[in-house]
Protein backbone atom coordinates (compact mmCIF):
# COMPACT_ATOMS: atom_id res chain seq x y z
CA UNK A 1 -4.81 -8.79 16.94
CA UNK A 2 -4.69 -10.13 13.50
CA UNK A 3 -2.33 -12.64 13.88
CA UNK A 4 -0.64 -15.42 16.25
CA UNK A 5 2.22 -17.35 16.19
CA UNK A 6 2.10 -20.12 18.86
CA UNK A 7 5.67 -21.41 19.46
CA UNK A 8 8.06 -21.84 22.38
CA UNK A 9 11.00 -21.13 19.87
CA UNK A 10 12.17 -17.76 20.96
CA UNK A 11 14.82 -17.53 17.85
CA UNK A 12 11.50 -17.71 15.47
CA UNK A 13 9.88 -15.02 17.40
CA UNK A 14 12.26 -11.92 15.85
CA UNK A 15 11.98 -13.15 12.42
CA UNK A 16 8.29 -13.41 12.60
CA UNK A 17 8.00 -10.02 14.08
CA UNK A 18 10.23 -8.69 11.18
CA UNK A 19 7.96 -10.16 8.54
CA UNK A 20 5.02 -8.94 10.22
CA UNK A 21 6.31 -5.52 10.34
CA UNK A 22 7.04 -5.42 6.74
CA UNK A 23 3.48 -7.21 6.01
CA UNK A 24 1.48 -4.91 8.31
CA UNK A 25 0.42 -7.12 10.48
CA UNK A 26 -0.08 -7.19 14.38
CA UNK A 27 1.51 -10.41 15.34
CA UNK A 28 1.41 -11.76 18.98
CA UNK A 29 3.24 -14.79 19.57
CA UNK A 30 2.16 -17.12 22.55
CA UNK A 31 2.39 -20.60 23.75
CA UNK A 32 0.39 -23.46 22.67
CA UNK A 33 -1.42 -23.40 26.64
CA UNK A 34 -1.75 -19.31 26.05
CA UNK A 35 -3.22 -19.75 22.36
CA UNK A 36 -6.54 -20.20 23.10
CA UNK A 37 -7.10 -17.10 25.59
CA UNK A 38 -5.18 -14.92 22.73
CA UNK A 39 -7.24 -15.78 20.24
CA UNK A 40 -10.59 -13.86 19.03
CA UNK A 41 -12.72 -12.50 16.58
CA UNK A 42 -10.40 -10.08 15.33
CA UNK A 43 -7.98 -12.70 15.13
CA UNK A 44 -7.40 -13.60 11.24
CA UNK A 45 -4.58 -16.21 11.33
CA UNK A 46 -2.70 -18.49 13.74
CA UNK A 47 0.54 -20.05 12.86
CA UNK A 48 1.33 -23.39 15.19
CA UNK A 49 4.75 -24.67 15.60
CA UNK A 50 4.31 -28.30 15.26
CA UNK A 51 7.65 -28.61 17.38
CA UNK A 52 5.82 -27.04 20.56
CA UNK A 53 3.96 -29.84 22.58
CA UNK A 54 0.43 -29.95 21.83
CA UNK A 55 -0.83 -33.23 23.03
CA UNK A 56 -4.07 -33.24 20.52
CA UNK A 57 -3.94 -31.52 17.57
CA UNK A 58 -7.45 -31.66 16.28
CA UNK A 59 -8.88 -30.55 19.92
CA UNK A 60 -6.44 -27.77 20.15
CA UNK A 61 -7.32 -26.54 16.37
CA UNK A 62 -11.28 -26.56 17.13
CA UNK A 63 -10.78 -24.72 20.23
CA UNK A 64 -8.73 -22.15 18.43
CA UNK A 65 -11.56 -22.22 15.61
CA UNK A 66 -14.23 -21.63 18.26
CA UNK A 67 -12.60 -18.57 19.73
CA UNK A 68 -11.22 -17.31 16.26
CA UNK A 69 -13.79 -18.09 13.65
CA UNK A 70 -12.13 -15.91 11.19
CA UNK A 71 -8.99 -17.20 11.41
CA UNK A 72 -6.87 -19.43 8.50
CA UNK A 73 -4.95 -22.01 10.61
CA UNK A 74 -1.60 -22.93 9.78
CA UNK A 75 1.09 -25.56 11.35
CA UNK A 76 4.40 -25.72 10.47
CA UNK A 77 7.42 -28.14 11.35
CA UNK A 78 10.51 -29.70 10.53
CA UNK A 79 9.80 -31.69 6.76
CA UNK A 80 11.38 -34.56 8.58
CA UNK A 81 8.39 -34.82 11.30
CA UNK A 82 6.18 -36.29 8.23
CA UNK A 83 3.75 -38.10 10.88
CA UNK A 84 3.25 -34.64 12.59
CA UNK A 85 2.72 -32.88 9.52
CA UNK A 86 0.20 -35.48 8.43
CA UNK A 87 -1.80 -34.93 12.11
CA UNK A 88 -1.72 -31.70 11.35
CA UNK A 89 -3.81 -31.92 7.70
CA UNK A 90 -5.88 -34.91 9.37
CA UNK A 91 -6.82 -32.44 12.04
CA UNK A 92 -7.93 -29.57 9.99
CA UNK A 93 -5.70 -27.03 9.66
CA UNK A 94 -6.23 -25.24 6.51
CA UNK A 95 -2.34 -24.96 5.53
CA UNK A 96 0.15 -27.34 6.46
CA UNK A 97 3.89 -26.56 5.26
CA UNK A 98 7.39 -27.35 6.11
CA UNK A 99 9.33 -24.81 8.70
CA UNK A 100 11.40 -23.74 5.67
CA UNK A 101 8.77 -22.86 3.71
CA UNK A 102 7.04 -21.10 6.23
CA UNK A 103 10.15 -18.65 7.15
CA UNK A 104 10.66 -17.87 3.78
CA UNK A 105 6.91 -17.04 2.57
CA UNK A 106 5.95 -16.04 6.27
CA UNK A 107 5.37 -12.15 4.93
CA UNK A 108 3.71 -13.27 2.24
CA UNK A 109 1.64 -15.59 4.12
CA UNK A 110 0.61 -12.92 7.04
CA UNK A 111 0.28 -10.34 3.95
CA UNK A 112 -2.51 -12.94 2.53
CA UNK A 113 -4.45 -14.30 5.43
CA UNK A 114 -3.72 -11.85 7.79
CA UNK A 115 -4.16 -8.59 6.67
CA UNK A 116 -7.51 -6.33 7.08
CA UNK A 117 -8.12 -6.66 3.21
CA UNK A 118 -6.95 -10.58 3.25
CA UNK A 119 -9.50 -13.53 3.12
CA UNK A 120 -11.27 -14.21 6.15
CA UNK A 121 -11.03 -17.84 5.82
CA UNK A 122 -8.66 -20.59 3.52
CA UNK A 123 -11.84 -22.46 3.37
């Protein structure tokens, strides 16, 4: 597996899987509680939907970084949730974007960060 979409929004999953197919990337959709188990050495990209319930973003991000050290971590959420987007930035996510930006650029993000020839990390 090369990418994880961490969300509880079922509407987003079909769009994401279409973008992953277009980008040539294997994508697995999981809930926040299942993300740590699903992440591993082969995971290159993890996108967290900030509307999903994650109590401690910094601890969650640190756990994912340990499980998937080569992954780029992206957080996305509604642009009006400014405090949550800022909390993701402060928690060490590599990229933080609005939900609209994520959905608009999803195939490019997956191609850039999750494809086998993409960077191993945005850091």
